[in-house]
Amino acid sequence: MQSVLSIAVDALAYGMVLFVISIGLSMTMGLMRVVNLAHGAFAMVGGYLASYAVRDLGLGYVAGVVLAVAGTVVIAAPIERLLYRRIYNKPELIQVLMTIGITFCVIGIANYVFGPTLKTIPLPEVLSGPVDLGFRSIAAHKLFAIVCGLAVAVALWYL
């Protein structure tokens, strides 16, 4: 029974991370009417930038995340101005082809700049230990992912 609960917590935490990433895709498609298949590539850029900031530059976790968000905006804004604006109000096939091309380019550039190996971010002290829930203890970073995902869901529900 313990292993089933452990798998369920892992699945919920991972699902919440995917939920937060996919909400951006859903909002882009729902509000802007753009099929943006490059959304995941920009999430990857943010992850690489956060890893670089924390591991290589020695910044703290929060500073690394802030730098990753700012860096991703700096990279994505010119792409939006130069490429995405051309596909607004175009047929879905054109949007799919353009955004798939952007995805391949972003992946290729990231592979060239950061290399093909997996990059990790060391957890901050506050998220590295377990949290005792009384009946079970779970990893703090997994609980953080679950709480953040629920907060995003509740915030979007009331918007």
N, C-alpha and C. Protein backbone atom coordinates (compact mmCIF):
# COMPACT_ATOMS: atom_id res chain seq x y z
N MET A 1 0.82 -1.20 0.00
CA MET A 1 0.00 0.00 0.00
C MET A 1 0.86 1.27 0.00
N GLN A 2 2.00 1.21 0.71
CA GLN A 2 2.90 2.35 0.75
C GLN A 2 3.42 2.68 -0.64
N SER A 3 3.75 1.65 -1.42
CA SER A 3 4.29 1.90 -2.75
C SER A 3 3.23 2.50 -3.67
N VAL A 4 1.98 2.09 -3.52
CA VAL A 4 0.91 2.65 -4.33
C VAL A 4 0.73 4.13 -4.00
N LEU A 5 0.75 4.47 -2.72
CA LEU A 5 0.63 5.87 -2.31
C LEU A 5 1.82 6.69 -2.79
N SER A 6 3.00 6.11 -2.73
CA SER A 6 4.20 6.80 -3.20
C SER A 6 4.13 7.06 -4.70
N ILE A 7 3.68 6.08 -5.46
CA ILE A 7 3.52 6.24 -6.90
C ILE A 7 2.46 7.30 -7.20
N ALA A 8 1.38 7.30 -6.43
CA ALA A 8 0.31 8.29 -6.64
C ALA A 8 0.81 9.71 -6.37
N VAL A 9 1.60 9.89 -5.32
CA VAL A 9 2.14 11.22 -5.02
C VAL A 9 3.10 11.65 -6.12
N ASP A 10 3.97 10.74 -6.57
CA ASP A 10 4.89 11.06 -7.66
C ASP A 10 4.12 11.45 -8.92
N ALA A 11 3.08 10.69 -9.24
CA ALA A 11 2.28 10.96 -10.43
C ALA A 11 1.57 12.30 -10.31
N LEU A 12 1.03 12.60 -9.13
CA LEU A 12 0.35 13.87 -8.93
C LEU A 12 1.31 15.05 -9.06
N ALA A 13 2.49 14.92 -8.48
CA ALA A 13 3.48 15.99 -8.56
C ALA A 13 3.92 16.21 -10.01
N TYR A 14 4.21 15.14 -10.72
CA TYR A 14 4.62 15.26 -12.12
C TYR A 14 3.47 15.80 -12.97
N GLY A 15 2.27 15.34 -12.68
CA GLY A 15 1.10 15.82 -13.40
C GLY A 15 0.87 17.31 -13.20
N MET A 16 1.13 17.79 -12.00
CA MET A 16 0.97 19.22 -11.73
C MET A 16 1.99 20.06 -12.50
N VAL A 17 3.20 19.56 -12.63
CA VAL A 17 4.21 20.27 -13.43
C VAL A 17 3.75 20.33 -14.89
N LEU A 18 3.27 19.22 -15.42
CA LEU A 18 2.78 19.20 -16.80
C LEU A 18 1.55 20.09 -16.95
N PHE A 19 0.70 20.12 -15.92
CA PHE A 19 -0.49 20.97 -15.93
C PHE A 19 -0.11 22.44 -16.05
N VAL A 20 0.84 22.87 -15.23
CA VAL A 20 1.25 24.28 -15.25
C VAL A 20 1.84 24.65 -16.61
N ILE A 21 2.63 23.76 -17.19
CA ILE A 21 3.19 24.03 -18.52
C ILE A 21 2.09 24.05 -19.58
N SER A 22 1.16 23.10 -19.50
CA SER A 22 0.14 22.99 -20.53
C SER A 22 -0.91 24.09 -20.45
N ILE A 23 -1.08 24.70 -19.29
CA ILE A 23 -2.04 25.79 -19.17
C ILE A 23 -1.63 26.95 -20.08
N GLY A 24 -0.34 27.21 -20.18
CA GLY A 24 0.12 28.25 -21.09
C GLY A 24 -0.25 27.93 -22.54
N LEU A 25 -0.10 26.68 -22.91
CA LEU A 25 -0.46 26.26 -24.26
C LEU A 25 -1.96 26.42 -24.48
N SER A 26 -2.74 26.02 -23.50
CA SER A 26 -4.19 26.12 -23.60
C SER A 26 -4.64 27.58 -23.70
N MET A 27 -4.02 28.45 -22.92
CA MET A 27 -4.39 29.86 -22.98
C MET A 27 -3.98 30.48 -24.31
N THR A 28 -2.82 30.10 -24.83
CA THR A 28 -2.37 30.61 -26.12
C THR A 28 -3.35 30.22 -27.21
N MET A 29 -3.76 28.97 -27.19
CA MET A 29 -4.67 28.49 -28.22
C MET A 29 -6.08 29.05 -28.02
N GLY A 30 -6.51 29.14 -26.76
CA GLY A 30 -7.86 29.60 -26.48
C GLY A 30 -8.04 31.09 -26.65
N LEU A 31 -7.09 31.88 -26.19
CA LEU A 31 -7.24 33.33 -26.23
C LEU A 31 -6.72 33.95 -27.52
N MET A 32 -5.59 33.45 -28.00
CA MET A 32 -4.97 34.06 -29.19
C MET A 32 -5.32 33.33 -30.48
N ARG A 33 -5.90 32.16 -30.36
CA ARG A 33 -6.25 31.34 -31.52
C ARG A 33 -5.02 31.00 -32.36
N VAL A 34 -3.92 30.65 -31.67
CA VAL A 34 -2.69 30.26 -32.34
C VAL A 34 -2.31 28.87 -31.88
N VAL A 35 -2.07 27.97 -32.82
CA VAL A 35 -1.60 26.63 -32.49
C VAL A 35 -0.09 26.74 -32.30
N ASN A 36 0.34 26.84 -31.05
CA ASN A 36 1.75 27.08 -30.74
C ASN A 36 2.40 25.78 -30.26
N LEU A 37 2.95 25.02 -31.16
CA LEU A 37 3.61 23.78 -30.79
C LEU A 37 5.02 24.01 -30.27
N ALA A 38 5.49 25.25 -30.29
CA ALA A 38 6.81 25.58 -29.76
C ALA A 38 6.75 25.94 -28.28
N HIS A 39 5.60 25.86 -27.67
CA HIS A 39 5.43 26.23 -26.27
C HIS A 39 6.37 25.42 -25.37
N GLY A 40 6.44 24.13 -25.59
CA GLY A 40 7.33 23.28 -24.79
C GLY A 40 8.79 23.61 -24.99
N ALA A 41 9.15 24.06 -26.19
CA ALA A 41 10.55 24.43 -26.44
C ALA A 41 10.94 25.64 -25.61
N PHE A 42 10.02 26.57 -25.42
CA PHE A 42 10.33 27.73 -24.60
C PHE A 42 10.36 27.38 -23.12
N ALA A 43 9.56 26.40 -22.71
CA ALA A 43 9.67 25.89 -21.34
C ALA A 43 11.04 25.24 -21.14
N MET A 44 11.51 24.54 -22.17
CA MET A 44 12.84 23.93 -22.11
C MET A 44 13.93 25.00 -21.99
N VAL A 45 13.80 26.08 -22.74
CA VAL A 45 14.77 27.18 -22.66
C VAL A 45 14.81 27.73 -21.24
N GLY A 46 13.65 27.92 -20.64
CA GLY A 46 13.61 28.39 -19.25
C GLY A 46 14.29 27.43 -18.30
N GLY A 47 14.09 26.14 -18.52
CA GLY A 47 14.75 25.14 -17.68
C GLY A 47 16.26 25.16 -17.83
N TYR A 48 16.72 25.26 -19.07
CA TYR A 48 18.17 25.34 -19.30
C TYR A 48 18.76 26.60 -18.69
N LEU A 49 18.07 27.72 -18.83
CA LEU A 49 18.57 28.97 -18.26
C LEU A 49 18.61 28.90 -16.74
N ALA A 50 17.59 28.31 -16.14
CA ALA A 50 17.57 28.17 -14.68
C ALA A 50 18.71 27.27 -14.22
N SER A 51 18.94 26.18 -14.93
CA SER A 51 20.03 25.27 -14.58
C SER A 51 21.37 25.97 -14.70
N TYR A 52 21.56 26.71 -15.77
CA TYR A 52 22.81 27.44 -15.98
C TYR A 52 23.02 28.48 -14.89
N ALA A 53 21.97 29.21 -14.55
CA ALA A 53 22.09 30.27 -13.55
C ALA A 53 22.43 29.71 -12.17
N VAL A 54 21.80 28.60 -11.80
CA VAL A 54 22.01 28.05 -10.46
C VAL A 54 23.32 27.28 -10.39
N ARG A 55 23.57 26.41 -11.36
CA ARG A 55 24.75 25.55 -11.30
C ARG A 55 26.03 26.26 -11.72
N ASP A 56 26.00 26.96 -12.83
CA ASP A 56 27.23 27.52 -13.38
C ASP A 56 27.53 28.94 -12.88
N LEU A 57 26.49 29.75 -12.70
CA LEU A 57 26.71 31.11 -12.21
C LEU A 57 26.68 31.20 -10.69
N GLY A 58 26.18 30.15 -10.04
CA GLY A 58 26.15 30.12 -8.58
C GLY A 58 25.06 30.98 -7.96
N LEU A 59 24.05 31.34 -8.73
CA LEU A 59 22.95 32.12 -8.18
C LEU A 59 22.06 31.24 -7.30
N GLY A 60 21.29 31.86 -6.45
CA GLY A 60 20.33 31.12 -5.64
C GLY A 60 19.18 30.61 -6.49
N TYR A 61 18.37 29.76 -5.89
CA TYR A 61 17.26 29.13 -6.60
C TYR A 61 16.26 30.16 -7.12
N VAL A 62 15.84 31.07 -6.25
CA VAL A 62 14.85 32.08 -6.65
C VAL A 62 15.43 33.00 -7.72
N ALA A 63 16.67 33.43 -7.53
CA ALA A 63 17.32 34.29 -8.53
C ALA A 63 17.46 33.56 -9.86
N GLY A 64 17.76 32.27 -9.81
CA GLY A 64 17.88 31.48 -11.03
C GLY A 64 16.56 31.38 -11.77
N VAL A 65 15.47 31.19 -11.03
CA VAL A 65 14.15 31.10 -11.66
C VAL A 65 13.76 32.45 -12.26
N VAL A 66 14.02 33.53 -11.53
CA VAL A 66 13.71 34.87 -12.05
C VAL A 66 14.53 35.15 -13.31
N LEU A 67 15.81 34.81 -13.28
CA LEU A 67 16.65 35.00 -14.46
C LEU A 67 16.16 34.14 -15.63
N ALA A 68 15.71 32.93 -15.34
CA ALA A 68 15.20 32.05 -16.40
C ALA A 68 13.95 32.63 -17.05
N VAL A 69 13.05 33.14 -16.24
CA VAL A 69 11.83 33.75 -16.79
C VAL A 69 12.19 34.98 -17.62
N ALA A 70 13.03 35.84 -17.07
CA ALA A 70 13.43 37.05 -17.80
C ALA A 70 14.18 36.69 -19.09
N GLY A 71 15.08 35.73 -19.01
CA GLY A 71 15.83 35.31 -20.19
C GLY A 71 14.95 34.71 -21.26
N THR A 72 13.96 33.93 -20.84
CA THR A 72 13.04 33.33 -21.81
C THR A 72 12.20 34.41 -22.49
N VAL A 73 11.79 35.42 -21.73
CA VAL A 73 11.04 36.53 -22.33
C VAL A 73 11.91 37.28 -23.33
N VAL A 74 13.17 37.52 -22.98
CA VAL A 74 14.09 38.23 -23.87
C VAL A 74 14.30 37.43 -25.16
N ILE A 75 14.33 36.12 -25.06
CA ILE A 75 14.51 35.28 -26.25
C ILE A 75 13.22 35.17 -27.05
N ALA A 76 12.08 35.04 -26.36
CA ALA A 76 10.82 34.79 -27.04
C ALA A 76 10.21 36.05 -27.66
N ALA A 77 10.44 37.21 -27.06
CA ALA A 77 9.82 38.44 -27.57
C ALA A 77 10.22 38.76 -29.02
N PRO A 78 11.50 38.71 -29.37
CA PRO A 78 11.83 38.96 -30.78
C PRO A 78 11.27 37.89 -31.73
N ILE A 79 11.20 36.66 -31.25
CA ILE A 79 10.63 35.60 -32.08
C ILE A 79 9.15 35.87 -32.33
N GLU A 80 8.46 36.37 -31.30
CA GLU A 80 7.05 36.73 -31.48
C GLU A 80 6.92 37.86 -32.49
N ARG A 81 7.76 38.87 -32.36
CA ARG A 81 7.70 40.03 -33.27
C ARG A 81 8.03 39.65 -34.71
N LEU A 82 9.04 38.81 -34.88
CA LEU A 82 9.51 38.49 -36.23
C LEU A 82 8.73 37.35 -36.89
N LEU A 83 8.33 36.34 -36.11
CA LEU A 83 7.75 35.15 -36.72
C LEU A 83 6.27 34.93 -36.38
N TYR A 84 5.93 35.00 -35.11
CA TYR A 84 4.56 34.68 -34.72
C TYR A 84 3.55 35.66 -35.30
N ARG A 85 3.90 36.92 -35.37
CA ARG A 85 2.96 37.92 -35.89
C ARG A 85 2.54 37.61 -37.32
N ARG A 86 3.38 36.92 -38.04
CA ARG A 86 3.07 36.58 -39.44
C ARG A 86 2.02 35.48 -39.55
N ILE A 87 1.82 34.72 -38.46
CA ILE A 87 0.88 33.59 -38.56
C ILE A 87 -0.42 33.84 -37.82
N TYR A 88 -0.58 35.00 -37.18
CA TYR A 88 -1.87 35.31 -36.56
C TYR A 88 -2.93 35.39 -37.66
N ASN A 89 -4.08 34.83 -37.40
CA ASN A 89 -5.21 34.81 -38.34
C ASN A 89 -4.90 34.06 -39.64
N LYS A 90 -3.95 33.15 -39.59
CA LYS A 90 -3.65 32.28 -40.73
C LYS A 90 -4.27 30.91 -40.46
N PRO A 91 -4.38 30.07 -41.48
CA PRO A 91 -4.91 28.72 -41.27
C PRO A 91 -4.04 27.91 -40.29
N GLU A 92 -4.68 26.95 -39.63
CA GLU A 92 -3.99 26.16 -38.61
C GLU A 92 -2.77 25.43 -39.15
N LEU A 93 -2.83 24.96 -40.38
CA LEU A 93 -1.70 24.24 -40.96
C LEU A 93 -0.46 25.12 -41.04
N ILE A 94 -0.63 26.36 -41.42
CA ILE A 94 0.50 27.29 -41.47
C ILE A 94 1.05 27.51 -40.07
N GLN A 95 0.17 27.65 -39.08
CA GLN A 95 0.61 27.84 -37.70
C GLN A 95 1.39 26.63 -37.20
N VAL A 96 0.88 25.44 -37.51
CA VAL A 96 1.55 24.21 -37.08
C VAL A 96 2.93 24.10 -37.72
N LEU A 97 3.02 24.35 -39.01
CA LEU A 97 4.31 24.24 -39.70
C LEU A 97 5.31 25.26 -39.17
N MET A 98 4.87 26.48 -38.95
CA MET A 98 5.78 27.52 -38.44
C MET A 98 6.26 27.18 -37.03
N THR A 99 5.34 26.79 -36.16
CA THR A 99 5.74 26.54 -34.77
C THR A 99 6.54 25.25 -34.62
N ILE A 100 6.30 24.27 -35.49
CA ILE A 100 7.15 23.07 -35.46
C ILE A 100 8.55 23.44 -35.92
N GLY A 101 8.66 24.29 -36.92
CA GLY A 101 9.97 24.76 -37.36
C GLY A 101 10.69 25.53 -36.26
N ILE A 102 9.96 26.37 -35.54
CA ILE A 102 10.55 27.10 -34.41
C ILE A 102 11.02 26.12 -33.35
N THR A 103 10.22 25.09 -33.09
CA THR A 103 10.60 24.08 -32.10
C THR A 103 11.91 23.41 -32.47
N PHE A 104 12.03 22.98 -33.72
CA PHE A 104 13.26 22.33 -34.16
C PHE A 104 14.46 23.26 -34.05
N CYS A 105 14.28 24.52 -34.41
CA CYS A 105 15.38 25.49 -34.30
C CYS A 105 15.78 25.71 -32.85
N VAL A 106 14.81 25.89 -31.97
CA VAL A 106 15.12 26.12 -30.55
C VAL A 106 15.81 24.91 -29.94
N ILE A 107 15.34 23.71 -30.27
CA ILE A 107 15.97 22.50 -29.75
C ILE A 107 17.40 22.38 -30.27
N GLY A 108 17.60 22.65 -31.55
CA GLY A 108 18.95 22.58 -32.11
C GLY A 108 19.89 23.58 -31.49
N ILE A 109 19.42 24.80 -31.29
CA ILE A 109 20.27 25.83 -30.67
C ILE A 109 20.58 25.47 -29.22
N ALA A 110 19.57 25.01 -28.48
CA ALA A 110 19.79 24.61 -27.08
C ALA A 110 20.76 23.44 -27.00
N ASN A 111 20.64 22.50 -27.90
CA ASN A 111 21.56 21.36 -27.94
C ASN A 111 22.98 21.81 -28.23
N TYR A 112 23.12 22.78 -29.10
CA TYR A 112 24.45 23.31 -29.43
C TYR A 112 25.04 24.09 -28.26
N VAL A 113 24.24 24.94 -27.63
CA VAL A 113 24.73 25.82 -26.56
C VAL A 113 24.95 25.05 -25.26
N PHE A 114 23.98 24.22 -24.86
CA PHE A 114 24.03 23.57 -23.55
C PHE A 114 24.48 22.12 -23.60
N GLY A 115 24.54 21.53 -24.79
CA GLY A 115 24.93 20.14 -24.91
C GLY A 115 23.74 19.21 -24.78
N PRO A 116 23.92 17.95 -25.18
CA PRO A 116 22.81 17.00 -25.21
C PRO A 116 22.54 16.30 -23.88
N THR A 117 23.34 16.55 -22.86
CA THR A 117 23.17 15.83 -21.60
C THR A 117 22.11 16.48 -20.73
N LEU A 118 21.58 15.69 -19.82
CA LEU A 118 20.56 16.15 -18.88
C LEU A 118 21.16 17.17 -17.93
N LYS A 119 20.46 18.26 -17.73
CA LYS A 119 20.90 19.29 -16.79
C LYS A 119 19.96 19.28 -15.59
N THR A 120 20.53 19.40 -14.42
CA THR A 120 19.71 19.41 -13.21
C THR A 120 19.89 20.73 -12.47
N ILE A 121 18.98 20.97 -11.56
CA ILE A 121 19.07 22.13 -10.69
C ILE A 121 19.08 21.60 -9.26
N PRO A 122 20.10 21.94 -8.50
CA PRO A 122 20.09 21.49 -7.11
C PRO A 122 18.94 22.15 -6.35
N LEU A 123 18.27 21.36 -5.55
CA LEU A 123 17.14 21.89 -4.79
C LEU A 123 17.62 22.82 -3.69
N PRO A 124 16.86 23.88 -3.42
CA PRO A 124 17.21 24.71 -2.27
C PRO A 124 16.97 23.93 -0.98
N GLU A 125 17.58 24.38 0.07
CA GLU A 125 17.50 23.68 1.35
C GLU A 125 16.06 23.47 1.81
N VAL A 126 15.21 24.46 1.61
CA VAL A 126 13.83 24.38 2.09
C VAL A 126 13.02 23.31 1.35
N LEU A 127 13.42 22.97 0.13
CA LEU A 127 12.69 21.97 -0.66
C LEU A 127 13.38 20.61 -0.72
N SER A 128 14.49 20.46 -0.03
CA SER A 128 15.25 19.22 -0.18
C SER A 128 14.85 18.12 0.80
N GLY A 129 14.21 18.43 1.87
CA GLY A 129 13.88 17.41 2.86
C GLY A 129 12.46 16.89 2.72
N PRO A 130 12.09 15.97 3.60
CA PRO A 130 10.72 15.46 3.59
C PRO A 130 9.79 16.35 4.42
N VAL A 131 8.50 16.26 4.13
CA VAL A 131 7.47 16.96 4.90
C VAL A 131 6.58 15.89 5.50
N ASP A 132 6.42 15.93 6.81
CA ASP A 132 5.60 14.94 7.51
C ASP A 132 4.15 15.39 7.50
N LEU A 133 3.29 14.60 6.89
CA LEU A 133 1.87 14.90 6.83
C LEU A 133 1.07 14.20 7.92
N GLY A 134 1.75 13.55 8.82
CA GLY A 134 1.08 12.82 9.88
C GLY A 134 0.95 11.34 9.54
N PHE A 135 0.25 11.05 8.48
CA PHE A 135 0.07 9.66 8.06
C PHE A 135 1.16 9.21 7.10
N ARG A 136 1.87 10.16 6.53
CA ARG A 136 2.90 9.85 5.53
C ARG A 136 3.81 11.05 5.38
N SER A 137 5.04 10.82 5.02
CA SER A 137 5.92 11.94 4.69
C SER A 137 6.24 11.88 3.20
N ILE A 138 6.26 13.06 2.58
CA ILE A 138 6.58 13.14 1.15
C ILE A 138 7.68 14.18 0.96
N ALA A 139 8.34 14.11 -0.16
CA ALA A 139 9.42 15.05 -0.46
C ALA A 139 8.85 16.46 -0.58
N ALA A 140 9.57 17.42 -0.02
CA ALA A 140 9.09 18.80 0.00
C ALA A 140 8.93 19.37 -1.41
N HIS A 141 9.84 19.01 -2.32
CA HIS A 141 9.72 19.56 -3.67
C HIS A 141 8.50 19.02 -4.41
N LYS A 142 8.10 17.80 -4.09
CA LYS A 142 6.89 17.24 -4.71
C LYS A 142 5.65 17.92 -4.15
N LEU A 143 5.64 18.15 -2.84
CA LEU A 143 4.52 18.87 -2.23
C LEU A 143 4.44 20.29 -2.78
N PHE A 144 5.59 20.92 -2.99
CA PHE A 144 5.63 22.27 -3.57
C PHE A 144 5.03 22.28 -4.97
N ALA A 145 5.36 21.29 -5.79
CA ALA A 145 4.80 21.21 -7.14
C ALA A 145 3.29 21.02 -7.10
N ILE A 146 2.82 20.18 -6.18
CA ILE A 146 1.38 19.95 -6.05
C ILE A 146 0.67 21.22 -5.62
N VAL A 147 1.21 21.90 -4.62
CA VAL A 147 0.58 23.13 -4.12
C VAL A 147 0.58 24.22 -5.19
N CYS A 148 1.68 24.36 -5.92
CA CYS A 148 1.74 25.37 -6.99
C CYS A 148 0.74 25.06 -8.09
N GLY A 149 0.63 23.80 -8.47
CA GLY A 149 -0.34 23.42 -9.49
C GLY A 149 -1.77 23.68 -9.05
N LEU A 150 -2.07 23.35 -7.80
CA LEU A 150 -3.41 23.63 -7.27
C LEU A 150 -3.67 25.12 -7.20
N ALA A 151 -2.66 25.91 -6.83
CA ALA A 151 -2.83 27.36 -6.77
C ALA A 151 -3.12 27.94 -8.15
N VAL A 152 -2.43 27.45 -9.17
CA VAL A 152 -2.69 27.90 -10.54
C VAL A 152 -4.10 27.51 -10.97
N ALA A 153 -4.51 26.29 -10.65
CA ALA A 153 -5.85 25.83 -11.02
C ALA A 153 -6.93 26.68 -10.35
N VAL A 154 -6.77 26.95 -9.07
CA VAL A 154 -7.75 27.77 -8.34
C VAL A 154 -7.76 29.19 -8.89
N ALA A 155 -6.59 29.75 -9.15
CA ALA A 155 -6.52 31.12 -9.68
C ALA A 155 -7.19 31.21 -11.05
N LEU A 156 -6.97 30.22 -11.90
CA LEU A 156 -7.60 30.24 -13.22
C LEU A 156 -9.10 30.01 -13.13
N TRP A 157 -9.53 29.24 -12.16
CA TRP A 157 -10.97 28.98 -12.00
C TRP A 157 -11.71 30.28 -11.68
N TYR A 158 -11.08 31.14 -10.88
CA TYR A 158 -11.75 32.37 -10.45
C TYR A 158 -11.43 33.57 -11.34
N LEU A 159 -10.67 33.40 -12.39
CA LEU A 159 -10.41 34.52 -13.31
C LEU A 159 -11.52 34.72 -14.30
